[in-house]
Structures are given as C-alpha cells and as structure tokens.
Amino acid sequence: MNAIQETRKNQWLVRSQTTKGKFYKVEIGEDGKVRCECPDFLYRREEIGGECKHILVSGAASVFQSTIQCRFCGHVNNAESWDDNGQKCPCCLAPRAD
C-alpha cells in the first residue's frame, strides 16, 4: 500500500512513520472540519485547531481550504459554488462573513 491512499472522497489513509503497518485515517467531516485519528491530533492539535503531519501530507488541508462553511446555515460548500464571486451562500444566500 502507498504511503497515502484516498479511500473515498475527502478521506485518506496515511502511513505512520513510526509504527510499521499502521495507517491513520484523515477526513473532512460533514461539518467541514479536518480530523486525523493519530495521537498527536487527538490529544494536542484538535483543541488548538492545528494540523498534524498526516493532514498536511494527505492533501486534506488544501481541499479544506477550498471550502467555505456558511456561518448562518452551517452548510459546507466548495468556494466556486458561492454566488457573487464567493460572497453569498448557495444554500441560504446569506452573505459571506469571513
């Protein structure tokens, strides 16, 4: 198996560098948050909003950066799908509030 394998849309398995045969699941959840099941992310980075090395090498961080979560309705949408050059949510038409 390769060091990084996309298992489905927005989900990857990333090989551990320290434990032979171990893979960590990295995914972008329906809430738009990127998560990893490695101890570094679970016990340190999740609380402060950081990214572990598995998220960085999987490409999930760059996929996540191209999405926008509406602060009004909560839907996560591709940046390209927002109306008026990315300024209105395609679901509820609320203005973007970055």
N, C-alpha and C. Protein backbone atom coordinates (compact mmCIF):
# COMPACT_ATOMS: atom_id res chain seq x y z
N MET A 1 0.85 -1.17 0.00
CA MET A 1 0.00 0.00 0.00
C MET A 1 0.89 1.24 0.00
N ASN A 2 0.49 2.25 -0.75
CA ASN A 2 1.24 3.51 -0.80
C ASN A 2 1.19 4.21 0.56
N ALA A 3 2.07 5.19 0.74
CA ALA A 3 2.12 5.95 1.99
C ALA A 3 0.83 6.74 2.22
N ILE A 4 0.18 7.16 1.11
CA ILE A 4 -1.08 7.90 1.20
C ILE A 4 -2.05 7.26 0.22
N GLN A 5 -3.22 6.91 0.69
CA GLN A 5 -4.23 6.33 -0.18
C GLN A 5 -5.57 7.01 0.07
N GLU A 6 -6.17 7.54 -1.00
CA GLU A 6 -7.51 8.12 -0.86
C GLU A 6 -8.50 6.98 -0.88
N THR A 7 -9.26 6.82 0.20
CA THR A 7 -10.19 5.71 0.32
C THR A 7 -11.58 6.05 -0.21
N ARG A 8 -11.94 7.31 -0.13
CA ARG A 8 -13.17 7.84 -0.72
C ARG A 8 -13.04 9.35 -0.73
N LYS A 9 -14.03 10.03 -1.26
CA LYS A 9 -13.96 11.49 -1.32
C LYS A 9 -13.78 12.06 0.08
N ASN A 10 -12.78 12.91 0.23
CA ASN A 10 -12.49 13.59 1.49
C ASN A 10 -12.05 12.66 2.62
N GLN A 11 -11.47 11.49 2.25
CA GLN A 11 -10.96 10.57 3.27
C GLN A 11 -9.70 9.89 2.74
N TRP A 12 -8.66 9.85 3.58
CA TRP A 12 -7.38 9.27 3.20
C TRP A 12 -6.86 8.38 4.32
N LEU A 13 -6.04 7.40 3.95
CA LEU A 13 -5.25 6.64 4.91
C LEU A 13 -3.80 7.07 4.71
N VAL A 14 -3.13 7.44 5.80
CA VAL A 14 -1.75 7.90 5.74
C VAL A 14 -0.90 6.99 6.63
N ARG A 15 0.17 6.45 6.05
CA ARG A 15 1.05 5.52 6.76
C ARG A 15 1.78 6.23 7.91
N SER A 16 1.84 5.56 9.05
CA SER A 16 2.60 6.05 10.18
C SER A 16 4.09 5.97 9.86
N GLN A 17 4.84 6.96 10.31
CA GLN A 17 6.29 6.93 10.13
C GLN A 17 6.98 6.16 11.23
N THR A 18 6.29 5.94 12.33
CA THR A 18 6.93 5.29 13.48
C THR A 18 6.50 3.85 13.73
N THR A 19 5.29 3.48 13.33
CA THR A 19 4.78 2.13 13.58
C THR A 19 4.56 1.40 12.27
N LYS A 20 5.33 0.36 12.04
CA LYS A 20 5.24 -0.41 10.81
C LYS A 20 3.84 -1.01 10.65
N GLY A 21 3.26 -0.82 9.47
CA GLY A 21 1.95 -1.37 9.16
C GLY A 21 0.77 -0.56 9.68
N LYS A 22 1.03 0.54 10.37
CA LYS A 22 -0.04 1.37 10.94
C LYS A 22 -0.40 2.50 9.98
N PHE A 23 -1.70 2.74 9.81
CA PHE A 23 -2.21 3.84 9.00
C PHE A 23 -3.20 4.64 9.83
N TYR A 24 -3.22 5.95 9.60
CA TYR A 24 -4.17 6.83 10.28
C TYR A 24 -5.17 7.38 9.27
N LYS A 25 -6.43 7.41 9.68
CA LYS A 25 -7.48 7.95 8.81
C LYS A 25 -7.54 9.46 8.98
N VAL A 26 -7.49 10.16 7.85
CA VAL A 26 -7.65 11.62 7.80
C VAL A 26 -8.91 11.87 6.99
N GLU A 27 -9.78 12.73 7.49
CA GLU A 27 -11.00 13.00 6.75
C GLU A 27 -11.51 14.41 7.00
N ILE A 28 -12.28 14.87 6.04
CA ILE A 28 -13.01 16.12 6.19
C ILE A 28 -14.45 15.72 6.49
N GLY A 29 -14.91 16.06 7.68
CA GLY A 29 -16.25 15.68 8.10
C GLY A 29 -17.33 16.51 7.44
N GLU A 30 -18.58 16.10 7.65
CA GLU A 30 -19.71 16.84 7.08
C GLU A 30 -19.79 18.26 7.61
N ASP A 31 -19.19 18.48 8.78
CA ASP A 31 -19.16 19.83 9.36
C ASP A 31 -18.04 20.68 8.76
N GLY A 32 -17.25 20.07 7.85
CA GLY A 32 -16.18 20.80 7.19
C GLY A 32 -14.86 20.79 7.94
N LYS A 33 -14.81 20.16 9.10
CA LYS A 33 -13.58 20.12 9.89
C LYS A 33 -12.70 18.96 9.46
N VAL A 34 -11.39 19.21 9.40
CA VAL A 34 -10.42 18.18 9.06
C VAL A 34 -9.98 17.50 10.34
N ARG A 35 -9.98 16.17 10.33
CA ARG A 35 -9.60 15.40 11.52
C ARG A 35 -8.66 14.27 11.14
N CYS A 36 -7.85 13.88 12.11
CA CYS A 36 -6.98 12.72 11.97
C CYS A 36 -7.13 11.90 13.23
N GLU A 37 -6.96 10.58 13.11
CA GLU A 37 -7.11 9.74 14.29
C GLU A 37 -5.77 9.45 14.98
N CYS A 38 -4.71 10.16 14.60
CA CYS A 38 -3.41 9.95 15.24
C CYS A 38 -3.39 10.58 16.63
N PRO A 39 -2.55 10.07 17.53
CA PRO A 39 -2.49 10.64 18.89
C PRO A 39 -2.11 12.12 18.92
N ASP A 40 -1.21 12.54 18.06
CA ASP A 40 -0.81 13.96 18.03
C ASP A 40 -2.01 14.86 17.81
N PHE A 41 -2.85 14.51 16.84
CA PHE A 41 -4.03 15.34 16.55
C PHE A 41 -5.06 15.22 17.67
N LEU A 42 -5.34 14.00 18.10
CA LEU A 42 -6.40 13.78 19.10
C LEU A 42 -6.10 14.43 20.45
N TYR A 43 -4.84 14.42 20.86
CA TYR A 43 -4.51 14.89 22.20
C TYR A 43 -3.91 16.28 22.26
N ARG A 44 -3.50 16.83 21.12
CA ARG A 44 -2.89 18.16 21.15
C ARG A 44 -3.50 19.12 20.15
N ARG A 45 -3.48 18.77 18.90
CA ARG A 45 -3.80 19.73 17.84
C ARG A 45 -5.29 20.00 17.67
N GLU A 46 -6.14 19.02 17.93
CA GLU A 46 -7.58 19.22 17.74
C GLU A 46 -8.09 20.38 18.59
N GLU A 47 -7.61 20.49 19.81
CA GLU A 47 -8.06 21.55 20.71
C GLU A 47 -7.63 22.94 20.27
N ILE A 48 -6.45 23.04 19.67
CA ILE A 48 -5.94 24.36 19.28
C ILE A 48 -6.14 24.66 17.80
N GLY A 49 -6.71 23.71 17.08
CA GLY A 49 -7.01 23.94 15.67
C GLY A 49 -5.85 23.74 14.73
N GLY A 50 -4.82 23.05 15.16
CA GLY A 50 -3.66 22.82 14.30
C GLY A 50 -3.81 21.59 13.42
N GLU A 51 -2.80 21.38 12.59
CA GLU A 51 -2.80 20.24 11.68
C GLU A 51 -1.62 19.34 12.01
N CYS A 52 -1.86 18.05 12.06
CA CYS A 52 -0.77 17.10 12.25
C CYS A 52 -0.12 16.83 10.90
N LYS A 53 0.99 16.10 10.92
CA LYS A 53 1.71 15.82 9.67
C LYS A 53 0.88 14.96 8.72
N HIS A 54 -0.01 14.13 9.24
CA HIS A 54 -0.84 13.27 8.37
C HIS A 54 -1.83 14.10 7.57
N ILE A 55 -2.40 15.13 8.19
CA ILE A 55 -3.31 16.03 7.49
C ILE A 55 -2.55 16.78 6.40
N LEU A 56 -1.37 17.26 6.75
CA LEU A 56 -0.59 18.03 5.78
C LEU A 56 -0.19 17.20 4.56
N VAL A 57 0.29 15.98 4.77
CA VAL A 57 0.75 15.17 3.63
C VAL A 57 -0.40 14.55 2.84
N SER A 58 -1.58 14.40 3.46
CA SER A 58 -2.71 13.78 2.75
C SER A 58 -3.29 14.69 1.68
N GLY A 59 -3.11 15.99 1.83
CA GLY A 59 -3.74 16.93 0.92
C GLY A 59 -5.07 17.43 1.43
N ALA A 60 -5.53 16.92 2.57
CA ALA A 60 -6.82 17.33 3.12
C ALA A 60 -6.82 18.82 3.45
N ALA A 61 -5.69 19.33 3.88
CA ALA A 61 -5.63 20.76 4.23
C ALA A 61 -5.92 21.63 3.02
N SER A 62 -5.39 21.26 1.85
CA SER A 62 -5.63 22.08 0.66
C SER A 62 -7.06 21.91 0.15
N VAL A 63 -7.64 20.71 0.30
CA VAL A 63 -9.04 20.50 -0.08
C VAL A 63 -9.93 21.34 0.83
N PHE A 64 -9.63 21.31 2.13
CA PHE A 64 -10.42 22.07 3.09
C PHE A 64 -10.35 23.57 2.83
N GLN A 65 -9.17 24.06 2.43
CA GLN A 65 -9.03 25.49 2.19
C GLN A 65 -9.87 25.96 1.02
N SER A 66 -10.31 25.05 0.15
CA SER A 66 -11.14 25.46 -0.99
C SER A 66 -12.63 25.36 -0.67
N THR A 67 -12.96 25.12 0.60
CA THR A 67 -14.36 25.07 1.01
C THR A 67 -14.66 26.22 1.95
N ILE A 68 -15.93 26.57 2.02
CA ILE A 68 -16.39 27.65 2.91
C ILE A 68 -17.59 27.13 3.67
N GLN A 69 -17.59 27.30 4.99
CA GLN A 69 -18.75 26.92 5.79
C GLN A 69 -19.57 28.17 6.07
N CYS A 70 -20.84 28.11 5.74
CA CYS A 70 -21.74 29.24 5.98
C CYS A 70 -21.97 29.39 7.49
N ARG A 71 -21.80 30.59 7.98
CA ARG A 71 -21.99 30.84 9.40
C ARG A 71 -23.46 30.92 9.80
N PHE A 72 -24.33 30.99 8.82
CA PHE A 72 -25.76 31.09 9.11
C PHE A 72 -26.45 29.73 9.05
N CYS A 73 -26.29 28.99 7.93
CA CYS A 73 -26.98 27.71 7.81
C CYS A 73 -26.08 26.51 8.13
N GLY A 74 -24.75 26.74 8.18
CA GLY A 74 -23.82 25.68 8.55
C GLY A 74 -23.36 24.77 7.43
N HIS A 75 -23.92 24.92 6.24
CA HIS A 75 -23.52 24.05 5.13
C HIS A 75 -22.09 24.35 4.70
N VAL A 76 -21.38 23.29 4.29
CA VAL A 76 -20.03 23.43 3.77
C VAL A 76 -20.12 23.30 2.26
N ASN A 77 -19.63 24.31 1.56
CA ASN A 77 -19.73 24.34 0.11
C ASN A 77 -18.38 24.64 -0.51
N ASN A 78 -18.18 24.14 -1.72
CA ASN A 78 -16.99 24.49 -2.47
C ASN A 78 -16.98 25.99 -2.70
N ALA A 79 -15.82 26.60 -2.62
CA ALA A 79 -15.72 28.05 -2.79
C ALA A 79 -16.28 28.50 -4.13
N GLU A 80 -16.11 27.67 -5.16
CA GLU A 80 -16.57 28.04 -6.50
C GLU A 80 -18.10 28.08 -6.60
N SER A 81 -18.81 27.40 -5.70
CA SER A 81 -20.26 27.35 -5.79
C SER A 81 -20.95 28.56 -5.16
N TRP A 82 -20.21 29.40 -4.44
CA TRP A 82 -20.81 30.58 -3.83
C TRP A 82 -21.16 31.60 -4.89
N ASP A 83 -22.30 32.28 -4.74
CA ASP A 83 -22.74 33.30 -5.69
C ASP A 83 -21.94 34.59 -5.54
N ASP A 84 -22.08 35.47 -6.53
CA ASP A 84 -21.45 36.80 -6.49
C ASP A 84 -19.97 36.72 -6.14
N ASN A 85 -19.24 35.93 -6.92
CA ASN A 85 -17.79 35.79 -6.71
C ASN A 85 -17.44 35.34 -5.29
N GLY A 86 -18.17 34.37 -4.80
CA GLY A 86 -17.86 33.81 -3.49
C GLY A 86 -18.38 34.59 -2.31
N GLN A 87 -19.40 35.42 -2.50
CA GLN A 87 -19.87 36.27 -1.42
C GLN A 87 -21.22 35.87 -0.83
N LYS A 88 -21.95 34.94 -1.49
CA LYS A 88 -23.25 34.51 -0.96
C LYS A 88 -23.35 32.99 -0.95
N CYS A 89 -23.85 32.44 0.15
CA CYS A 89 -24.02 31.00 0.29
C CYS A 89 -25.01 30.47 -0.74
N PRO A 90 -24.68 29.39 -1.45
CA PRO A 90 -25.61 28.85 -2.44
C PRO A 90 -26.82 28.19 -1.82
N CYS A 91 -26.77 27.89 -0.54
CA CYS A 91 -27.89 27.23 0.14
C CYS A 91 -28.91 28.24 0.65
N CYS A 92 -28.45 29.25 1.41
CA CYS A 92 -29.39 30.18 2.04
C CYS A 92 -29.23 31.62 1.55
N LEU A 93 -28.25 31.86 0.68
CA LEU A 93 -27.95 33.18 0.11
C LEU A 93 -27.50 34.22 1.13
N ALA A 94 -27.08 33.73 2.32
CA ALA A 94 -26.53 34.65 3.32
C ALA A 94 -25.18 35.18 2.85
N PRO A 95 -24.85 36.39 3.24
CA PRO A 95 -23.55 36.95 2.84
C PRO A 95 -22.41 36.23 3.55
N ARG A 96 -21.30 36.14 2.86
CA ARG A 96 -20.10 35.53 3.43
C ARG A 96 -19.58 36.42 4.55
N ALA A 97 -19.24 35.82 5.68
CA ALA A 97 -18.78 36.59 6.84
C ALA A 97 -17.43 36.07 7.32
N ASP A 98 -16.39 36.40 6.58
CA ASP A 98 -15.04 35.94 6.98
C ASP A 98 -14.44 36.91 7.96
